[in-house]
Amino acid sequence: MPFNPAIPQAPDLISVSQGQLLGNNTAIPVWQAVNHYEFGTGVNEGKHRFLTLPNQAAAPAFAGTDDGIYNLIPTVAPLTTIPELFVHKQRPGGGTADIPMTASILSTATPAAGAPGWTYLPSGIIMKWGIVPVNNAGATTIAFDATMPFSAVFAVTLGPTDVGALNYYASFVTAFTNTDVTVINRRINVGAPFAAANVYYFAIGR
């Protein structure tokens, strides 16, 4: 029997309401047991066993300083085309942000080891990484993955480069913008021909 929220009514007879109330008492534990521990399960009673967040047609509205979590296919970057978990949070100085906290390169591809990628953290921080193929003749500029654009880049760091026993290089970031990083290599040993090198970068921003 489905739950009936309209009982008892003022003119109802006990003989009628009794069956209706029994039906409600039967329906409530069925509803409560979905994703919850049931009545009478001791210290876990009433706790969630897991959360199910249906995919929303549009982002829900939150009141005032309320925070929340919901499930939605992003309608702005990153356009991963699959549902992501969003966290709705307050921002310093006022306003709110809706962060797709599960969105990453894994939402759109299965990258190979050493391949470029990106991730969006629940804090709103974006991290990107990749490889810059550089030479000894001058600076090389490479674009960041544009799936989740930076609005500001805080820092870019480089991994050391070693392309053989006779060739060692020091790598430097000479410039970066919200869309790319420029790297230059300098050979720090002598007596060996130059060989092309791959420099790994790690960028962090928002």
Protein backbone atom coordinates (compact mmCIF):
# COMPACT_ATOMS: atom_id res chain seq x y z
CA MET A 1 0.00 0.00 0.00
CA PRO A 2 1.48 3.43 -0.93
CA PHE A 3 1.98 6.10 1.73
CA ASN A 4 -1.14 8.20 2.28
CA PRO A 5 -0.40 11.70 3.65
CA ALA A 6 -4.11 12.69 3.84
CA ILE A 7 -5.16 10.57 6.81
CA PRO A 8 -6.75 10.60 9.26
CA GLN A 9 -9.56 13.00 8.38
CA ALA A 10 -11.92 14.45 11.02
CA PRO A 11 -14.95 12.30 10.09
CA ASP A 12 -12.92 9.05 9.68
CA LEU A 13 -13.96 6.03 11.67
CA ILE A 14 -11.25 4.24 13.64
CA SER A 15 -12.13 1.07 11.81
CA VAL A 16 -11.20 2.82 8.54
CA SER A 17 -8.19 4.82 9.73
CA GLN A 18 -6.64 1.81 11.44
CA GLY A 19 -5.96 0.07 8.13
CA GLN A 20 -4.74 3.28 6.52
CA LEU A 21 -2.32 4.04 9.38
CA LEU A 22 -1.06 0.47 9.28
CA GLY A 23 -0.42 0.95 5.56
CA ASN A 24 1.55 4.12 6.27
CA ASN A 25 3.57 2.41 9.01
CA THR A 26 4.40 -0.33 6.50
CA ALA A 27 5.38 2.16 3.76
CA ILE A 28 7.65 4.33 5.91
CA PRO A 29 10.34 1.66 6.62
CA VAL A 30 10.37 0.73 2.92
CA TRP A 31 11.11 4.36 2.01
CA GLN A 32 13.57 4.81 4.86
CA ALA A 33 15.54 1.70 3.93
CA VAL A 34 16.52 3.16 0.54
CA ASN A 35 20.22 4.04 0.96
CA HIS A 36 19.78 4.09 4.77
CA TYR A 37 20.22 1.64 7.58
CA GLU A 38 16.80 0.49 8.71
CA PHE A 39 15.03 1.03 12.01
CA GLY A 40 16.42 -1.16 14.78
CA THR A 41 19.97 -1.54 13.36
CA GLY A 42 21.68 -0.15 16.45
CA VAL A 43 24.41 2.49 16.18
CA ASN A 44 23.97 2.74 12.38
CA GLU A 45 20.23 3.38 12.57
CA GLY A 46 19.22 6.28 10.32
CA LYS A 47 22.69 6.70 8.78
CA HIS A 48 23.28 6.68 5.05
CA ARG A 49 24.73 3.50 3.56
CA PHE A 50 25.49 5.42 0.36
CA LEU A 51 24.22 8.45 -1.55
CA THR A 52 22.38 8.39 -4.86
CA LEU A 53 22.27 11.74 -6.66
CA PRO A 54 20.11 11.60 -9.81
CA ASN A 55 21.30 13.55 -12.83
CA GLN A 56 19.68 17.01 -12.77
CA ALA A 57 18.16 18.72 -15.81
CA ALA A 58 19.53 22.05 -14.52
CA ALA A 59 21.61 23.22 -11.59
CA PRO A 60 19.47 23.54 -8.45
CA ALA A 61 19.05 26.87 -6.68
CA PHE A 62 20.52 27.19 -3.18
CA ALA A 63 19.31 29.71 -0.63
CA GLY A 64 21.54 32.21 1.15
CA THR A 65 24.75 30.70 2.48
CA ASP A 66 23.64 27.10 1.95
CA ASP A 67 26.19 24.75 0.39
CA GLY A 68 25.29 21.58 -1.48
CA ILE A 69 26.27 18.76 -3.82
CA TYR A 70 24.43 17.69 -6.96
CA ASN A 71 24.87 15.67 -10.17
CA LEU A 72 24.74 17.36 -13.59
CA ILE A 73 26.19 17.14 -17.11
CA PRO A 74 28.26 20.36 -17.40
CA THR A 75 26.78 23.01 -19.69
CA VAL A 76 29.95 25.15 -19.65
CA ALA A 77 33.62 24.15 -19.55
CA PRO A 78 34.56 21.45 -18.90
CA LEU A 79 32.13 19.95 -21.43
CA THR A 80 32.83 16.34 -20.48
CA THR A 81 29.41 15.16 -21.84
CA ILE A 82 28.96 12.90 -18.79
CA PRO A 83 27.38 13.66 -15.39
CA GLU A 84 29.80 15.18 -12.88
CA LEU A 85 29.43 15.81 -9.14
CA PHE A 86 29.23 19.54 -8.45
CA VAL A 87 29.87 21.25 -5.13
CA HIS A 88 28.09 24.57 -4.58
CA LYS A 89 30.23 26.67 -2.23
CA GLN A 90 30.65 30.18 -0.89
CA ARG A 91 33.43 32.43 -2.18
CA PRO A 92 35.56 34.87 -0.18
CA GLY A 93 34.12 38.37 -0.40
CA GLY A 94 30.68 37.13 -1.40
CA GLY A 95 29.11 35.13 -4.17
CA THR A 96 29.16 31.42 -4.83
CA ALA A 97 30.81 28.94 -7.19
CA ASP A 98 29.65 25.62 -8.59
CA ILE A 99 32.71 23.37 -8.95
CA PRO A 100 32.56 20.16 -11.07
CA MET A 101 34.69 18.31 -8.55
CA THR A 102 34.81 14.95 -10.36
CA ALA A 103 35.78 16.40 -13.75
CA SER A 104 39.24 15.47 -15.04
CA ILE A 105 41.01 14.07 -18.09
CA LEU A 106 39.56 10.72 -16.99
CA SER A 107 36.08 12.08 -17.81
CA THR A 108 36.96 12.39 -21.48
CA ALA A 109 39.83 9.98 -22.17
CA THR A 110 42.06 7.25 -20.78
CA PRO A 111 45.48 8.90 -21.05
CA ALA A 112 48.65 6.90 -21.47
CA ALA A 113 51.53 7.22 -19.01
CA GLY A 114 53.27 10.54 -19.49
CA ALA A 115 50.38 12.00 -21.52
CA PRO A 116 49.06 15.53 -20.85
CA GLY A 117 46.08 15.92 -18.55
CA TRP A 118 44.09 18.09 -16.17
CA THR A 119 41.91 17.86 -13.08
CA TYR A 120 39.47 20.17 -11.30
CA LEU A 121 39.67 19.92 -7.50
CA PRO A 122 36.65 20.51 -5.21
CA SER A 123 38.39 23.64 -3.89
CA GLY A 124 38.18 25.23 -7.34
CA ILE A 125 41.89 24.72 -8.05
CA ILE A 126 42.78 23.43 -11.55
CA MET A 127 45.91 21.38 -12.17
CA LYS A 128 47.38 20.65 -15.61
CA TRP A 129 50.43 18.67 -16.68
CA GLY A 130 52.15 17.67 -19.88
CA ILE A 131 55.35 17.58 -21.92
CA VAL A 132 57.23 20.35 -23.72
CA PRO A 133 59.55 19.10 -26.51
CA VAL A 134 62.37 21.66 -26.45
CA ASN A 135 65.68 22.16 -28.21
CA ASN A 136 68.81 24.14 -27.46
CA ALA A 137 68.22 26.79 -30.09
CA GLY A 138 65.60 28.88 -28.31
CA ALA A 139 62.37 29.01 -26.36
CA THR A 140 59.47 26.62 -26.98
CA THR A 141 55.86 27.54 -26.20
CA ILE A 142 53.17 24.92 -25.76
CA ALA A 143 49.45 25.39 -25.09
CA PHE A 144 47.74 24.00 -22.02
CA ASP A 145 44.81 21.63 -22.48
CA ALA A 146 41.84 23.92 -23.20
CA THR A 147 39.09 21.59 -21.94
CA MET A 148 39.04 23.44 -18.61
CA PRO A 149 40.53 26.91 -19.23
CA PHE A 150 42.53 28.73 -16.59
CA SER A 151 41.24 32.12 -15.48
CA ALA A 152 44.52 32.60 -13.58
CA VAL A 153 47.73 30.59 -13.34
CA PHE A 154 49.51 30.60 -9.98
CA ALA A 155 52.69 28.70 -10.82
CA VAL A 156 54.34 26.40 -13.36
CA THR A 157 57.11 23.99 -12.39
CA LEU A 158 59.31 21.78 -14.56
CA GLY A 159 60.72 18.30 -14.17
CA PRO A 160 64.47 17.77 -14.70
CA THR A 161 65.72 16.60 -18.07
CA ASP A 162 68.32 13.91 -18.73
CA VAL A 163 68.67 12.61 -22.29
CA GLY A 164 71.77 10.48 -21.86
CA ALA A 165 75.05 10.11 -20.04
CA LEU A 166 76.72 12.88 -22.05
CA ASN A 167 73.84 15.35 -22.37
CA TYR A 168 72.42 17.21 -19.38
CA TYR A 169 70.12 20.20 -19.52
CA ALA A 170 68.74 22.83 -17.19
CA SER A 171 65.15 23.82 -18.02
CA PHE A 172 63.61 27.22 -17.27
CA VAL A 173 60.11 28.69 -17.49
CA THR A 174 60.58 32.04 -19.23
CA ALA A 175 56.89 32.99 -19.35
CA PHE A 176 53.39 31.66 -18.86
CA THR A 177 49.88 32.89 -19.54
CA ASN A 178 46.43 31.45 -18.87
CA THR A 179 46.71 29.45 -22.11
CA ASP A 180 50.37 28.41 -22.51
CA VAL A 181 53.87 28.08 -21.03
CA THR A 182 57.22 28.98 -22.60
CA VAL A 183 60.27 26.88 -21.72
CA ILE A 184 63.94 27.14 -22.64
CA ASN A 185 66.68 24.52 -22.25
CA ARG A 186 70.37 25.09 -21.63
CA ARG A 187 72.94 22.35 -21.97
CA ILE A 188 75.09 22.34 -18.82
CA ASN A 189 77.85 20.06 -20.04
CA VAL A 190 80.24 20.41 -22.97
CA GLY A 191 81.86 18.06 -25.46
CA ALA A 192 78.67 16.33 -26.61
CA PRO A 193 76.24 16.96 -29.47
CA PHE A 194 72.81 18.33 -28.65
CA ALA A 195 69.88 15.92 -28.46
CA ALA A 196 66.21 16.90 -28.33
CA ALA A 197 64.67 16.67 -24.86
CA ASN A 198 61.19 16.42 -23.36
CA VAL A 199 60.53 18.59 -20.32
CA TYR A 200 57.61 17.77 -18.06
CA TYR A 201 55.56 20.68 -16.72
CA PHE A 202 53.02 20.99 -13.93
CA ALA A 203 50.73 24.04 -13.79
CA ILE A 204 48.34 25.07 -11.04
CA GLY A 205 45.72 27.80 -11.11
CA ARG A 206 41.98 28.43 -11.11
